[in-house]
């Protein structure tokens, strides 16, 4: 069983940066692929980035590619999402999610993740 607790986020001006953290409990987290998703009001949850269990493979949505970095510190059971050059369209509730340790790689499909964080609001002002 994995429990995810998110931190970070808040109100940021356009062009600024932020880092979101996703801290996990559970001894198997280091074997889990993790993804970040976001959901804006009235929209479906969309994929942002994913990282495999070791941190060696990452994948980004086109909307954040070149501006975002996902990385992990397995010694701290934490995955991070850094987004630079924030835009108003980045405004959303951001969620981290972990796959079962059965799967070493991440995907862009929310339904393939079994564990979810509580979500954190990111608001980018223009």
Foldseek 3Di string as FASTA:
>chain_A
DKAWAKDWADEAAAQAKIKIKIAIDDPLLLLWKKFKWWDDPPGDIWGAKIAFSPRPDIDGDPVQPPFWDWGDDVVRRMIMIMGGRDDQVVWTWMKMFIAPSVDRTDDGDPVRTDYIYPTDTHGYHD
